[in-house]
Protein backbone atom coordinates (compact mmCIF):
# COMPACT_ATOMS: atom_id res chain seq x y z
CA UNK A 1 -52.27 -128.55 -159.98
CA UNK A 2 -48.57 -128.42 -160.87
CA UNK A 3 -45.98 -130.70 -159.30
CA UNK A 4 -44.52 -127.65 -157.56
CA UNK A 5 -47.90 -126.68 -156.08
CA UNK A 6 -48.52 -130.26 -155.01
CA UNK A 7 -45.14 -130.46 -153.30
CA UNK A 8 -45.75 -127.10 -151.60
CA UNK A 9 -49.07 -128.34 -150.27
CA UNK A 10 -47.45 -131.52 -148.93
CA UNK A 11 -44.72 -129.48 -147.28
CA UNK A 12 -47.28 -127.13 -145.71
CA UNK A 13 -49.27 -130.05 -144.35
CA UNK A 14 -46.13 -131.69 -142.99
CA UNK A 15 -44.98 -128.46 -141.36
CA UNK A 16 -48.37 -127.92 -139.73
CA UNK A 17 -48.35 -131.49 -138.44
CA UNK A 18 -44.85 -131.05 -136.99
CA UNK A 19 -46.04 -127.92 -135.19
CA UNK A 20 -49.14 -129.56 -133.68
CA UNK A 21 -47.39 -132.75 -132.60
CA UNK A 22 -44.32 -130.92 -131.35
CA UNK A 23 -46.31 -128.40 -129.33
CA UNK A 24 -48.54 -131.00 -127.67
CA UNK A 25 -45.90 -133.62 -126.91
CA UNK A 26 -43.17 -131.08 -126.22
CA UNK A 27 -45.32 -129.28 -123.67
CA UNK A 28 -45.79 -132.47 -121.68
CA UNK A 29 -42.10 -133.29 -122.00
CA UNK A 30 -41.21 -129.88 -120.55
CA UNK A 31 -43.61 -130.44 -117.67
CA UNK A 32 -42.08 -133.84 -116.86
CA UNK A 33 -38.54 -132.51 -117.20
CA UNK A 34 -39.46 -129.66 -114.85
CA UNK A 35 -40.65 -131.97 -112.11
CA UNK A 36 -37.43 -133.95 -112.46
CA UNK A 37 -35.33 -130.79 -112.31
CA UNK A 38 -36.83 -129.87 -108.95
CA UNK A 39 -36.29 -133.34 -107.57
CA UNK A 40 -39.90 -134.45 -107.88
CA UNK A 41 -41.18 -137.67 -109.37
CA UNK A 42 -41.73 -137.39 -113.11
CA UNK A 43 -43.24 -140.84 -113.45
CA UNK A 44 -46.66 -140.18 -111.99
CA UNK A 45 -50.19 -140.70 -113.12
CA UNK A 46 -50.98 -137.03 -113.77
CA UNK A 47 -48.05 -136.75 -116.19
CA UNK A 48 -49.08 -139.98 -117.88
CA UNK A 49 -52.63 -138.68 -118.25
CA UNK A 50 -51.31 -135.40 -119.67
CA UNK A 51 -49.26 -137.22 -122.30
CA UNK A 52 -52.22 -139.39 -123.29
CA UNK A 53 -54.43 -136.31 -123.53
CA UNK A 54 -51.89 -134.51 -125.71
CA UNK A 55 -51.65 -137.45 -128.10
CA UNK A 56 -55.37 -138.16 -128.02
CA UNK A 57 -56.15 -134.70 -129.28
CA UNK A 58 -54.11 -135.25 -132.42
CA UNK A 59 -55.73 -138.38 -133.90
CA UNK A 60 -54.25 -140.03 -136.95
CA UNK A 61 -50.99 -142.02 -137.09
CA UNK A 62 -49.59 -140.72 -133.78
CA UNK A 63 -52.41 -142.67 -132.13
CA UNK A 64 -51.27 -145.86 -133.81
CA UNK A 65 -47.67 -145.18 -132.81
CA UNK A 66 -48.64 -144.42 -129.20
CA UNK A 67 -50.78 -147.53 -128.86
CA UNK A 68 -48.06 -149.62 -130.46
CA UNK A 69 -45.50 -148.30 -127.98
CA UNK A 70 -47.88 -149.11 -125.12
CA UNK A 71 -48.12 -152.77 -126.10
CA UNK A 72 -44.35 -153.40 -125.98
CA UNK A 73 -43.63 -154.21 -122.34
CA UNK A 74 -41.32 -151.84 -120.48
CA UNK A 75 -40.61 -149.45 -123.35
CA UNK A 76 -42.43 -146.79 -121.34
CA UNK A 77 -43.31 -146.89 -117.63
CA UNK A 78 -46.42 -148.95 -116.78
CA UNK A 79 -48.54 -145.95 -115.80
CA UNK A 80 -47.80 -144.38 -119.21
CA UNK A 81 -48.57 -147.64 -121.02
CA UNK A 82 -51.90 -147.94 -119.22
CA UNK A 83 -52.95 -144.45 -120.27
CA UNK A 84 -51.75 -144.83 -123.86
CA UNK A 85 -53.68 -148.09 -124.26
CA UNK A 86 -56.89 -146.20 -123.49
CA UNK A 87 -56.51 -144.07 -126.60
CA UNK A 88 -59.03 -144.72 -129.34
CA UNK A 89 -57.28 -144.86 -132.73
CA UNK A 90 -60.35 -143.50 -134.51
CA UNK A 91 -59.92 -140.48 -136.76
CA UNK A 92 -63.06 -138.49 -137.66
CA UNK A 93 -64.56 -140.26 -140.70
CA UNK A 94 -64.45 -138.62 -144.11
CA UNK A 95 -67.82 -137.26 -145.26
CA UNK A 96 -69.58 -138.48 -148.41
CA UNK A 97 -68.28 -135.64 -150.62
CA UNK A 98 -64.75 -136.22 -149.38
CA UNK A 99 -65.03 -139.97 -150.02
CA UNK A 100 -66.17 -139.33 -153.58
CA UNK A 101 -63.15 -137.09 -154.21
CA UNK A 102 -60.77 -139.63 -152.70
CA UNK A 103 -62.24 -142.49 -154.77
CA UNK A 104 -62.00 -140.35 -157.91
CA UNK A 105 -58.34 -139.66 -157.12
CA UNK A 106 -57.65 -143.40 -156.84
CA UNK A 107 -59.82 -144.93 -159.59
CA UNK A 108 -60.61 -141.99 -161.88
CA UNK A 109 -63.71 -139.97 -162.72
CA UNK A 110 -65.80 -143.04 -163.58
CA UNK A 111 -65.01 -144.85 -160.33
CA UNK A 112 -68.66 -145.29 -159.33
CA UNK A 113 -69.42 -147.17 -162.56
CA UNK A 114 -66.92 -149.85 -161.50
CA UNK A 115 -69.13 -150.92 -158.59
CA UNK A 116 -72.66 -152.28 -158.52
CA UNK A 117 -73.08 -150.78 -155.04
CA UNK A 118 -70.91 -148.56 -152.84
CA UNK A 119 -71.80 -147.36 -149.32
CA UNK A 120 -70.46 -143.84 -148.76
CA UNK A 121 -70.91 -144.17 -145.01
CA UNK A 122 -67.86 -146.04 -143.63
CA UNK A 123 -68.33 -149.42 -141.99
CA UNK A 124 -65.23 -148.79 -139.86
CA UNK A 125 -62.71 -145.99 -139.32
CA UNK A 126 -59.17 -146.24 -137.99
CA UNK A 127 -55.98 -144.21 -137.69
CA UNK A 128 -54.82 -144.31 -141.34
CA UNK A 129 -58.03 -144.83 -143.27
CA UNK A 130 -61.59 -146.12 -143.30
CA UNK A 131 -63.45 -149.12 -144.71
CA UNK A 132 -66.50 -148.99 -147.00
CA UNK A 133 -68.75 -151.88 -147.94
CA UNK A 134 -69.38 -152.29 -151.65
CA UNK A 135 -70.36 -154.82 -154.30
CA UNK A 136 -68.46 -155.45 -157.51
CA UNK A 137 -70.05 -155.65 -160.95
CA UNK A 138 -69.49 -159.38 -160.69
CA UNK A 139 -71.60 -159.55 -157.52
CA UNK A 140 -68.85 -159.99 -154.92
CA UNK A 141 -69.30 -158.21 -151.58
CA UNK A 142 -66.10 -156.32 -150.84
CA UNK A 143 -64.41 -154.12 -148.27
CA UNK A 144 -62.78 -150.98 -149.70
CA UNK A 145 -60.04 -149.71 -147.40
CA UNK A 146 -59.54 -146.05 -148.34
CA UNK A 147 -56.60 -144.10 -146.93
CA UNK A 148 -57.10 -140.60 -145.54
CA UNK A 149 -55.46 -137.81 -147.57
CA UNK A 150 -51.89 -136.66 -146.90
CA UNK A 151 -51.12 -139.56 -144.56
CA UNK A 152 -47.47 -139.68 -145.66
CA UNK A 153 -46.89 -136.18 -144.29
CA UNK A 154 -48.78 -137.01 -141.10
CA UNK A 155 -46.83 -140.22 -140.52
CA UNK A 156 -43.45 -138.53 -141.05
CA UNK A 157 -44.39 -135.73 -138.66
CA UNK A 158 -45.55 -138.20 -136.03
CA UNK A 159 -42.58 -140.53 -136.34
CA UNK A 160 -40.27 -137.54 -135.96
CA UNK A 161 -41.72 -137.05 -132.47
CA UNK A 162 -41.50 -140.72 -131.48
CA UNK A 163 -38.06 -140.25 -129.96
CA UNK A 164 -39.56 -137.83 -127.45
CA UNK A 165 -41.57 -140.66 -125.90
CA UNK A 166 -38.50 -142.87 -125.70
CA UNK A 167 -36.25 -140.04 -124.51
CA UNK A 168 -38.59 -139.44 -121.57
CA UNK A 169 -38.18 -143.02 -120.47
CA UNK A 170 -34.41 -143.06 -120.98
CA UNK A 171 -33.99 -139.91 -118.90
CA UNK A 172 -36.17 -141.18 -116.09
CA UNK A 173 -34.80 -144.71 -115.99
CA UNK A 174 -32.13 -145.44 -118.62
CA UNK A 175 -32.18 -149.24 -118.38
CA UNK A 176 -33.31 -150.14 -121.91
CA UNK A 177 -31.75 -148.60 -125.03
CA UNK A 178 -34.78 -147.97 -127.23
CA UNK A 179 -32.98 -146.69 -130.33
CA UNK A 180 -33.55 -149.86 -132.38
CA UNK A 181 -37.17 -150.05 -131.21
CA UNK A 182 -37.81 -146.57 -132.61
CA UNK A 183 -36.32 -147.55 -135.98
CA UNK A 184 -38.43 -150.70 -136.16
CA UNK A 185 -41.68 -148.94 -135.32
CA UNK A 186 -40.98 -146.23 -137.88
CA UNK A 187 -40.27 -148.78 -140.61
CA UNK A 188 -43.43 -150.76 -139.96
CA UNK A 189 -45.74 -147.74 -139.76
CA UNK A 190 -44.34 -146.40 -143.05
CA UNK A 191 -45.00 -149.77 -144.67
CA UNK A 192 -48.64 -149.58 -143.57
CA UNK A 193 -49.12 -146.59 -145.88
CA UNK A 194 -48.47 -148.70 -148.97
CA UNK A 195 -51.65 -150.62 -149.76
CA UNK A 196 -50.05 -152.27 -152.79
CA UNK A 197 -47.55 -153.82 -150.39
CA UNK A 198 -50.41 -154.82 -148.10
CA UNK A 199 -52.05 -156.53 -151.09
CA UNK A 200 -48.88 -158.58 -151.49
CA UNK A 201 -49.09 -159.45 -147.78
CA UNK A 202 -52.62 -160.73 -148.37
CA UNK A 203 -51.35 -162.89 -151.23
CA UNK A 204 -48.51 -164.10 -149.01
CA UNK A 205 -50.87 -165.19 -146.24
CA UNK A 206 -53.24 -166.78 -148.74
CA UNK A 207 -50.38 -168.99 -149.91
CA UNK A 208 -49.09 -169.73 -146.41
CA UNK A 209 -52.49 -170.61 -144.92
CA UNK A 210 -54.06 -172.34 -147.93
CA UNK A 211 -54.04 -175.65 -146.03
CA UNK A 212 -55.34 -174.15 -142.77
CA UNK A 213 -59.16 -174.11 -143.00
CA UNK A 214 -59.50 -172.61 -139.50
CA UNK A 215 -58.09 -169.31 -140.80
CA UNK A 216 -59.67 -167.46 -143.71
CA UNK A 217 -57.83 -164.90 -145.84
CA UNK A 218 -59.87 -162.52 -148.03
CA UNK A 219 -59.58 -162.65 -151.81
CA UNK A 220 -58.20 -159.55 -153.52
CA UNK A 221 -59.69 -157.34 -156.22
CA UNK A 222 -56.47 -156.08 -157.85
CA UNK A 223 -58.18 -153.94 -160.50
CA UNK A 224 -59.96 -152.01 -157.72
CA UNK A 225 -56.83 -151.46 -155.64
CA UNK A 226 -54.13 -148.77 -155.67
CA UNK A 227 -51.38 -147.58 -153.33
CA UNK A 228 -54.05 -145.88 -151.20
CA UNK A 229 -57.10 -148.06 -151.88
CA UNK A 230 -57.25 -151.76 -151.05
CA UNK A 231 -60.29 -153.78 -152.11
CA UNK A 232 -60.79 -157.27 -150.66
CA UNK A 233 -63.73 -159.64 -150.48
CA UNK A 234 -65.89 -159.09 -147.41
CA UNK A 235 -65.63 -161.92 -144.86
CA UNK A 236 -68.68 -162.27 -142.65
CA UNK A 237 -67.98 -162.82 -138.98
CA UNK A 238 -68.56 -161.77 -135.39
CA UNK A 239 -66.26 -159.91 -133.06
CA UNK A 240 -64.02 -162.16 -130.97
CA UNK A 241 -65.32 -160.58 -127.76
CA UNK A 242 -68.88 -161.56 -128.75
CA UNK A 243 -67.83 -165.14 -127.98
CA UNK A 244 -66.55 -164.64 -124.43
CA UNK A 245 -69.66 -166.33 -123.03
CA UNK A 246 -69.56 -169.32 -125.41
CA UNK A 247 -68.89 -172.80 -124.09
CA UNK A 248 -65.32 -173.91 -123.43
CA UNK A 249 -65.09 -176.03 -126.60
CA UNK A 250 -66.14 -173.10 -128.79
CA UNK A 251 -63.69 -170.71 -127.14
CA UNK A 252 -60.94 -173.30 -127.48
CA UNK A 253 -61.66 -173.69 -131.22
CA UNK A 254 -61.35 -169.95 -131.74
CA UNK A 255 -58.15 -169.85 -129.70
CA UNK A 256 -56.64 -172.79 -131.59
CA UNK A 257 -57.34 -170.97 -134.85
CA UNK A 258 -55.62 -167.87 -133.45
CA UNK A 259 -52.61 -169.96 -132.40
CA UNK A 260 -52.28 -171.41 -135.90
CA UNK A 261 -52.84 -168.03 -137.58
CA UNK A 262 -49.84 -166.66 -135.72
CA UNK A 263 -47.42 -169.55 -135.18
CA UNK A 264 -47.86 -171.39 -138.49
CA UNK A 265 -46.70 -168.51 -140.75
CA UNK A 266 -43.80 -167.82 -138.39
CA UNK A 267 -42.54 -171.35 -137.83
CA UNK A 268 -42.90 -172.41 -141.47
CA UNK A 269 -42.16 -169.17 -143.35
CA UNK A 270 -40.63 -166.66 -140.92
CA UNK A 271 -43.62 -164.29 -141.15
CA UNK A 272 -45.71 -162.81 -138.34
CA UNK A 273 -48.77 -160.64 -138.10
CA UNK A 274 -47.47 -157.85 -135.89
CA UNK A 275 -50.74 -156.15 -134.91
CA UNK A 276 -52.70 -158.22 -132.38
CA UNK A 277 -55.57 -155.71 -132.14
CA UNK A 278 -58.87 -157.55 -131.66
CA UNK A 279 -60.43 -155.54 -134.47
CA UNK A 280 -58.17 -157.30 -136.97
CA UNK A 281 -59.98 -160.61 -136.51
CA UNK A 282 -63.55 -161.84 -136.69
CA UNK A 283 -64.99 -165.29 -135.98
CA UNK A 284 -66.77 -167.29 -138.68
CA UNK A 285 -69.21 -170.07 -137.90
CA UNK A 286 -70.28 -173.29 -139.57
CA UNK A 287 -73.51 -175.09 -138.72
CA UNK A 288 -74.20 -172.52 -136.02
CA UNK A 289 -70.92 -172.98 -134.12
CA UNK A 290 -67.64 -171.01 -134.20
CA UNK A 291 -65.28 -172.71 -136.64
CA UNK A 292 -62.35 -170.35 -137.05
CA UNK A 293 -61.21 -166.78 -137.62
CA UNK A 294 -61.11 -164.29 -140.46
CA UNK A 295 -57.78 -162.42 -140.68
CA UNK A 296 -58.74 -158.96 -141.93
CA UNK A 297 -55.78 -156.57 -141.82
CA UNK A 298 -52.33 -157.10 -143.32
CA UNK A 299 -50.64 -153.73 -142.91
CA UNK A 300 -48.29 -154.68 -140.06
CA UNK A 301 -46.55 -157.83 -141.31
CA UNK A 302 -42.97 -158.64 -140.31
CA UNK A 303 -40.81 -160.95 -142.43
CA UNK A 304 -37.80 -162.39 -140.57
CA UNK A 305 -34.57 -163.95 -141.77
CA UNK A 306 -34.90 -167.75 -141.42
CA UNK A 307 -31.97 -167.72 -138.98
CA UNK A 308 -34.08 -165.67 -136.55
CA UNK A 309 -36.78 -168.35 -136.63
CA UNK A 310 -34.05 -170.84 -135.83
CA UNK A 311 -33.11 -168.76 -132.80
CA UNK A 312 -36.71 -168.82 -131.55
CA UNK A 313 -36.88 -172.61 -131.85
CA UNK A 314 -33.42 -173.02 -130.28
CA UNK A 315 -34.43 -170.92 -127.29
CA UNK A 316 -37.55 -173.05 -126.81
CA UNK A 317 -35.58 -176.29 -126.98
CA UNK A 318 -32.78 -174.90 -124.84
CA UNK A 319 -35.23 -173.96 -122.09
CA UNK A 320 -37.09 -177.26 -122.45
CA UNK A 321 -33.91 -179.35 -122.18
CA UNK A 322 -31.92 -177.14 -119.80
CA UNK A 323 -29.28 -176.57 -122.50
CA UNK A 324 -27.68 -173.28 -121.47
CA UNK A 325 -25.32 -173.10 -124.44
CA UNK A 326 -28.25 -173.36 -126.83
CA UNK A 327 -30.10 -170.61 -124.95
CA UNK A 328 -27.12 -168.26 -125.19
CA UNK A 329 -26.67 -169.05 -128.89
CA UNK A 330 -30.34 -168.22 -129.49
CA UNK A 331 -29.99 -164.79 -127.88
CA UNK A 332 -26.94 -164.11 -130.03
CA UNK A 333 -28.86 -165.08 -133.17
CA UNK A 334 -31.63 -162.70 -132.12
CA UNK A 335 -29.08 -159.88 -132.04
CA UNK A 336 -28.40 -159.33 -128.33
CA UNK A 337 -24.80 -158.22 -127.83
CA UNK A 338 -22.38 -158.23 -124.90
CA UNK A 339 -24.08 -161.17 -123.21
CA UNK A 340 -23.00 -161.74 -119.61
CA UNK A 341 -24.20 -164.24 -117.05
CA UNK A 342 -26.38 -161.57 -115.45
CA UNK A 343 -27.89 -160.46 -118.76
CA UNK A 344 -28.67 -164.04 -119.82
CA UNK A 345 -30.35 -164.73 -116.46
CA UNK A 346 -32.35 -161.53 -116.86
CA UNK A 347 -33.44 -162.33 -120.42
CA UNK A 348 -34.46 -165.77 -119.20
CA UNK A 349 -37.03 -164.17 -116.89
CA UNK A 350 -38.84 -162.89 -119.95
CA UNK A 351 -38.19 -165.99 -122.04
CA UNK A 352 -39.63 -168.33 -119.40
CA UNK A 353 -42.72 -166.16 -119.22
CA UNK A 354 -43.28 -166.14 -123.00
CA UNK A 355 -42.35 -169.79 -123.47
CA UNK A 356 -43.82 -171.04 -120.18
CA UNK A 357 -47.14 -172.28 -121.62
CA UNK A 358 -45.26 -173.99 -124.48
CA UNK A 359 -42.94 -175.86 -122.12
CA UNK A 360 -45.63 -177.64 -120.10
CA UNK A 361 -47.24 -180.72 -121.65
CA UNK A 362 -50.69 -180.21 -120.13
CA UNK A 363 -53.95 -178.42 -120.80
CA UNK A 364 -53.81 -175.01 -119.14
CA UNK A 365 -54.69 -171.34 -119.40
CA UNK A 366 -52.09 -169.00 -120.86
CA UNK A 367 -51.81 -167.34 -117.42
CA UNK A 368 -53.66 -167.26 -114.12
CA UNK A 369 -55.12 -164.32 -112.19
CA UNK A 370 -54.13 -161.63 -114.68
CA UNK A 371 -56.13 -159.38 -116.99
CA UNK A 372 -55.37 -159.05 -120.73
CA UNK A 373 -54.12 -155.48 -120.16
CA UNK A 374 -51.74 -156.63 -117.41
CA UNK A 375 -50.39 -159.67 -119.24
CA UNK A 376 -46.58 -159.52 -119.19
CA UNK A 377 -46.33 -156.35 -117.10
CA UNK A 378 -45.12 -158.03 -113.90
CA UNK A 379 -42.40 -159.96 -115.76
CA UNK A 380 -41.35 -156.82 -117.62
CA UNK A 381 -41.00 -155.08 -114.25
CA UNK A 382 -38.83 -157.93 -112.94
CA UNK A 383 -36.59 -157.66 -115.99
CA UNK A 384 -36.40 -153.91 -115.57
CA UNK A 385 -35.38 -154.21 -111.93
CA UNK A 386 -32.79 -156.86 -112.72
CA UNK A 387 -31.24 -154.65 -115.41
CA UNK A 388 -30.95 -151.57 -113.22
CA UNK A 389 -27.55 -152.55 -111.89
CA UNK A 390 -26.16 -153.74 -115.22
CA UNK A 391 -28.08 -151.81 -117.93
CA UNK A 392 -28.64 -150.41 -120.41
CA UNK A 393 -29.36 -153.25 -122.83
CA UNK A 394 -30.06 -152.58 -126.50
CA UNK A 395 -33.16 -154.44 -127.69
CA UNK A 396 -32.66 -155.77 -131.26
CA UNK A 397 -35.09 -154.58 -133.91
CA UNK A 398 -36.28 -158.08 -134.75
CA UNK A 399 -37.36 -158.65 -131.16
CA UNK A 400 -39.86 -155.77 -131.12
CA UNK A 401 -42.80 -157.12 -133.10
CA UNK A 402 -42.10 -160.73 -132.15
CA UNK A 403 -42.48 -159.70 -128.53
CA UNK A 404 -45.47 -157.46 -129.13
CA UNK A 405 -47.37 -160.07 -131.14
CA UNK A 406 -46.75 -162.76 -128.52
CA UNK A 407 -48.17 -160.50 -125.82
CA UNK A 408 -51.17 -159.63 -128.00
CA UNK A 409 -51.84 -163.29 -128.74
CA UNK A 410 -51.70 -164.09 -125.03
CA UNK A 411 -54.21 -161.31 -124.43
CA UNK A 412 -56.67 -162.93 -126.86
CA UNK A 413 -56.33 -166.26 -125.03
CA UNK A 414 -57.04 -164.45 -121.76
CA UNK A 415 -60.11 -162.72 -123.19
CA UNK A 416 -61.47 -166.10 -124.30
CA UNK A 417 -60.31 -167.92 -121.14
CA UNK A 418 -58.88 -170.61 -123.41
CA UNK A 419 -57.74 -173.95 -122.00
CA UNK A 420 -55.32 -175.60 -124.43
CA UNK A 421 -52.26 -177.82 -124.51
CA UNK A 422 -50.01 -175.11 -125.92
CA UNK A 423 -47.02 -177.45 -125.80
CA UNK A 424 -48.54 -179.95 -128.22
CA UNK A 425 -49.85 -177.21 -130.49
CA UNK A 426 -46.37 -175.72 -130.71
CA UNK A 427 -44.63 -179.06 -131.18
CA UNK A 428 -46.96 -179.75 -134.11
CA UNK A 429 -45.90 -176.48 -135.72
CA UNK A 430 -42.15 -177.13 -135.41
CA UNK A 431 -42.20 -180.83 -136.32
CA UNK A 432 -39.39 -181.48 -138.84
CA UNK A 433 -38.23 -177.87 -138.40
CA UNK A 434 -35.01 -176.71 -140.00
CA UNK A 435 -33.70 -173.29 -140.95
CA UNK A 436 -33.12 -174.53 -144.50
CA UNK A 437 -36.72 -175.71 -144.78
CA UNK A 438 -37.97 -172.28 -143.64
CA UNK A 439 -35.61 -170.53 -146.07
CA UNK A 440 -36.92 -172.54 -149.02
CA UNK A 441 -40.58 -172.16 -148.06
CA UNK A 442 -40.17 -168.45 -147.40
CA UNK A 443 -38.41 -167.80 -150.70
CA UNK A 444 -41.14 -169.61 -152.64
CA UNK A 445 -43.97 -167.79 -150.84
CA UNK A 446 -42.32 -164.37 -151.26
CA UNK A 447 -41.79 -164.97 -154.98
CA UNK A 448 -45.42 -165.98 -155.40
CA UNK A 449 -46.57 -162.82 -153.60
CA UNK A 450 -44.15 -160.53 -155.45
CA UNK A 451 -42.21 -159.57 -152.30
CA UNK A 452 -38.46 -159.20 -151.90
CA UNK A 453 -36.51 -161.87 -150.02
CA UNK A 454 -35.16 -161.17 -146.53
CA UNK A 455 -31.52 -160.44 -145.91
């Protein structure tokens, strides 16, 4: 196939995707706009269900985008978030013949000879690709993450429609300016297409967590990886939810490992895992008891400027010590602009919710009398109501995945009904903290992983 034919095929696929996404989402948008035009309520459950149905019929990356939007509190109305979270980000798996063609495209005609075993039936399927179990010629059990064909075109088509979701919310209740949120989501989803970058993320986490035995990072097989095929050693483990009925000590061990897996990379290196989906973790055991977690997916990784990490620590200490000036400075470092007394008080509603468990020096649950799906929704509603008179407020890009990951982490603690002293766990992670120390550690880790430094 010539380059011209290949480009024409990509254009045709992209155009078809635009048409399908635009027709489905646009139809629901017109319906909602119509109810608003006639003075009816556009934010109702039937409209939310219609939007979820429209997106659910498309599969692929738009599912990932929709679910991602749903996990950021107050970006869309709660009834929309609830429906979007029900979506299953499972694309129809590729058949055996299709898998063979895709593997040939990535590793060449003799691809099968490079494995001792390769299971054509996928072990798992998701929005951008599927995972196959295999064994290398050296005897290592591996997971081969194979991307679906033409995902770049699909992602661009889906991201182009993302503003429709945000525009609906802005028109119905223009309290939060979501423009930066849309940019951040688009950037992260595009990064997830590049498996060579994800391989560097794996190397980054391997370096960062080398002294954290409670968290296991898979070894890479670089010679069996490409931009659209990522091969890592298979880590045996159980689903996190399989341990909901374990004893308190076991659930606390799993939760402590989750805390370290998230906070240690951030507080020491300015790096977070931005996708808190339960499928991205499994639990490994030693001597018949849960000992820690396997961190499986590295597509959605966010690397922050060290100054942003400093803002997070300053906000914690400002709230802990009642230092208002330090709190305001932290928000400014995060990128919030035009801060007023009212806006600071409103942001503090959210901050005290997120930081609340870290501020209390006692063993406690992350929250009481709330389900994982509802975690953070009430506080987001309070912030929304408080902003109505003074909005809109532009949410900085850096805040998006920090916020989302914190909510996802809290949801895991709720699933496991963990009882921990979050304050002491956090204090241990920020002992001897300094922005300079983070900058030096981050630069060294990024160099080792072959990643570019942050701005």
